[in-house]
Every structure is written in structure tokens, then in C-alpha cells.
């Protein structure tokens, strides 16, 4: 989460499992942008709901673990991202809180996938009708549930993977080392590599997917085909990780200026 939207009179507010939730209007706008289906407004609305559920479950994972440790937490959803606020705790507790979000999201995706396989007679035939509301909903839930949460494990601040990396350094790393600087350097390298990967896929004449199909060949059918088709847009990945790379470089430069 890079920033938290200021409170507005248009915010949606409610409580879930006694956790306060605030949804900024920009969350709905950004969700509509990434799921936009032209004149098919119904599919766009389905996409917005899928993004909302996926991100909310992710942030709820963070918030509930923080609550378990006795610290109050609030969920704020804005710009396709969420933030579960809590007090800074020990590295081990922070690590568990950071990991709980993407793990909760992956658990939801697993439930959706199992229910889908149980209720559909021929999954591959079913998924061909992409613009059917049911099929589109399955695609959206699997894409944001699986890929959206796996991206969060990338060791890049401010993603959960970056926080996990920082906590691991605090637990196992050398005490005299500047941990934040090291993690920012890792963030810059990892985000730069993924941004370059996105740019290469985007400019390749062979229509190379962002995630190589070879990553899925160990899976039996129909799982290989279904999951291999949950591919992110290379252009989106290039932009996202390019921004995160610039974010890391900017923070590293600030650290040098403070010295």
C-alpha cells in the first residue's frame, strides 16, 4: 500500500468481524478501470465486485491476525489496494500479519476453484464462454485471488513480500546492517526485473505470456490449462513494477540525503 486516501463523505463504511472497513470512492473507480468491458456494464460490475471481495478478504487476513495479537486494526480500500492498519509489533508478529493477507486471499481462491470444479461438468468447455457472467466471475475471482496475492509475495516494498523480507532480516540478519536500505535494494532489483520482463513480453512478436507456460506443465489437466490462462497483462506489470522500482529508488536516495 503506497498511500491511504483521505476520508470523504462518499466513503462506504461498515464493520466485518468487528473490524472497521472504509472504502474510498477511488477504489470503485480503479476497480472499474481494470475490469472495464466496454458497453457490457453488467460484466464490469461483476468485475468490480470480484475485486472488492478479493481485496477485502486479503486485508481481513491482515486485520484478524493483528486483532489476535491484541492490537486494533482498520481496513481501508483505495486504488485497487487495501491497508489494514495496526501497531508496529515484534518482527515475528509483523511477519505473520504480513503473510496472513495473501494467504487468506489464496485460500479464498482455492475455495472458489474447488467449488468451480465440483459444480461444472467440463471446466474447459465452460470457460470458453468468457463473456458469460458466470464464467467472467470465475475468471476474475481466480485471477485476482491467485495472481493478485502471489504478486504480494514479491520481495518489494511496500508489498507484503517486502515487509516479510524486512522482518526476516530483522530476525536472522546481522544486527549492525542497515536493514531498511538492504530491503530497498532488494525491492529495486526485484521490481526492475519484473518490469523488464513485462516490457519484453509486451514487445515480443511471439506473444510471450508474463508467466511462462512451463511453470504449469507439472499440473495435470484441466488444471494446467485453466491456471496457465490466468495471465496478467504484461503492460500492466511493466507499469506496476516500474512504479515500485521508482518508489524504491526514491526512498534509497532519501536515505542517502539523510546521512
Foldseek 3Di string as FASTA:
>chain_A
DPDADDDDPPWDWDADPNAIETEDPQLLVLQLVVQPDPPPVVSSVLSSVLLVVLQVQLLVQLQVLLVVVPWHWHWYGHNSHIDTDTDDDALVSLLNSLLRRLVSLLVQLVVLVVVQVVPDDDNVVVLVPCPDSVNVNNLSSNLCSPVVSVVLLQCFPPRSVVSNQLSVCVVPNDPPDPSVLVSLVSNLVRLVVLLVLLVCCVPDPVNAFSDHLVVQVVDDPPVSVSNVVSTDRSVVSNVVSVVRNVVSVVVNVVVVVVD
